[in-house]
Each structure stands twice: as C-alpha cells, then as structure tokens.
C-alpha cells in the first residue's frame, strides 16, 4: 500500500473522533493524528516500512478494520 492509497482509505472512512489503537496508544483527535502522521511520512527519506509514523498509520488502519469486522474470540 502506498501513502496515497492509505490517504484515500482514510478519506473514504467515517472516522471516529478518538480511538484506542492498542493498550498504550490512545488517539484523542484522529483527524489531526492522520494529517500530522502523513506530514512525517512525506518527510521520511529512508525505507517507508521503518517510518514510525507510517507504522502507526497502518496500526490505525488495522484497528479501524477490526472495528468494522470484529472477530469472535473462542474460549
């Protein structure tokens, strides 16, 4: 996935105001988080897969997808 494709993905979503991505990662302003993260991604000159902001954006995408399609955990 390219940054442009990920941006289009977020633009097509009805995003929540805030979200907990993982136990130690709470995003209070999702729109601001996305726009700031993409600024950092644009400035990153090394391997994109090692960019901390890119990794966080992908984690946000995964979390949003899990909210849409929750998996049922078996006991």
Protein backbone atom coordinates (compact mmCIF):
# COMPACT_ATOMS: atom_id res chain seq x y z
CA UNK A 1 0.00 0.00 0.00
CA UNK A 2 1.28 3.45 -0.87
CA UNK A 3 0.84 6.59 1.23
CA UNK A 4 -1.60 7.90 -1.40
CA UNK A 5 -3.71 4.73 -1.19
CA UNK A 6 -3.74 4.91 2.60
CA UNK A 7 -4.77 8.56 2.49
CA UNK A 8 -7.65 7.67 0.17
CA UNK A 9 -8.64 4.87 2.52
CA UNK A 10 -8.88 7.26 5.49
CA UNK A 11 -10.74 9.84 3.40
CA UNK A 12 -13.34 7.23 2.46
CA UNK A 13 -13.94 6.27 6.10
CA UNK A 14 -16.34 7.69 8.64
CA UNK A 15 -13.65 8.20 11.26
CA UNK A 16 -14.29 8.37 14.99
CA UNK A 17 -13.16 11.42 16.95
CA UNK A 18 -10.92 9.29 19.15
CA UNK A 19 -9.78 5.67 19.20
CA UNK A 20 -7.59 3.31 21.19
CA UNK A 21 -5.22 1.66 18.74
CA UNK A 22 -3.53 -0.53 21.30
CA UNK A 23 -3.25 -0.61 25.07
CA UNK A 24 -0.56 2.08 25.19
CA UNK A 25 -1.78 4.12 22.21
CA UNK A 26 -4.87 6.32 22.56
CA UNK A 27 -5.57 8.84 19.80
CA UNK A 28 -7.71 11.73 21.00
CA UNK A 29 -8.00 13.66 17.71
CA UNK A 30 -7.98 11.14 14.85
CA UNK A 31 -8.07 13.71 12.02
CA UNK A 32 -5.12 15.60 13.47
CA UNK A 33 -3.24 12.34 14.11
CA UNK A 34 -3.68 11.33 10.46
CA UNK A 35 -2.67 14.69 9.00
CA UNK A 36 0.38 15.02 11.26
CA UNK A 37 1.46 11.45 10.58
CA UNK A 38 1.28 11.98 6.81
CA UNK A 39 3.46 15.08 7.15
CA UNK A 40 6.09 12.94 8.86
CA UNK A 41 5.70 10.19 6.25
CA UNK A 42 6.29 12.77 3.49
CA UNK A 43 9.47 13.96 5.18
CA UNK A 44 10.81 10.44 5.74
CA UNK A 45 13.65 9.72 3.29
CA UNK A 46 14.50 6.15 4.30
CA UNK A 47 12.67 2.86 3.90
CA UNK A 48 8.98 3.65 4.43
CA UNK A 49 8.39 0.40 6.33
CA UNK A 50 10.71 1.71 9.07
CA UNK A 51 8.99 5.10 9.45
CA UNK A 52 7.37 5.29 12.93
CA UNK A 53 4.51 7.45 11.63
CA UNK A 54 3.81 5.02 8.78
CA UNK A 55 3.73 2.12 11.22
CA UNK A 56 1.26 4.00 13.45
CA UNK A 57 -0.96 4.81 10.45
CA UNK A 58 -1.03 1.14 9.47
CA UNK A 59 -1.93 0.21 13.05
CA UNK A 60 -4.78 2.73 12.91
CA UNK A 61 -6.00 1.17 9.66
CA UNK A 62 -5.90 -2.32 11.20
CA UNK A 63 -7.81 -1.11 14.24
CA UNK A 64 -10.48 0.53 12.10
CA UNK A 65 -10.85 -2.63 10.03
CA UNK A 66 -11.21 -4.70 13.20
CA UNK A 67 -13.96 -2.37 14.40
CA UNK A 68 -15.82 -2.93 11.13
CA UNK A 69 -15.28 -6.70 11.11
CA UNK A 70 -14.78 -7.86 14.69
CA UNK A 71 -13.50 -11.38 15.12
CA UNK A 72 -15.15 -13.60 17.68
CA UNK A 73 -12.68 -14.97 20.17
CA UNK A 74 -13.24 -18.56 21.18
CA UNK A 75 -12.76 -19.52 24.81
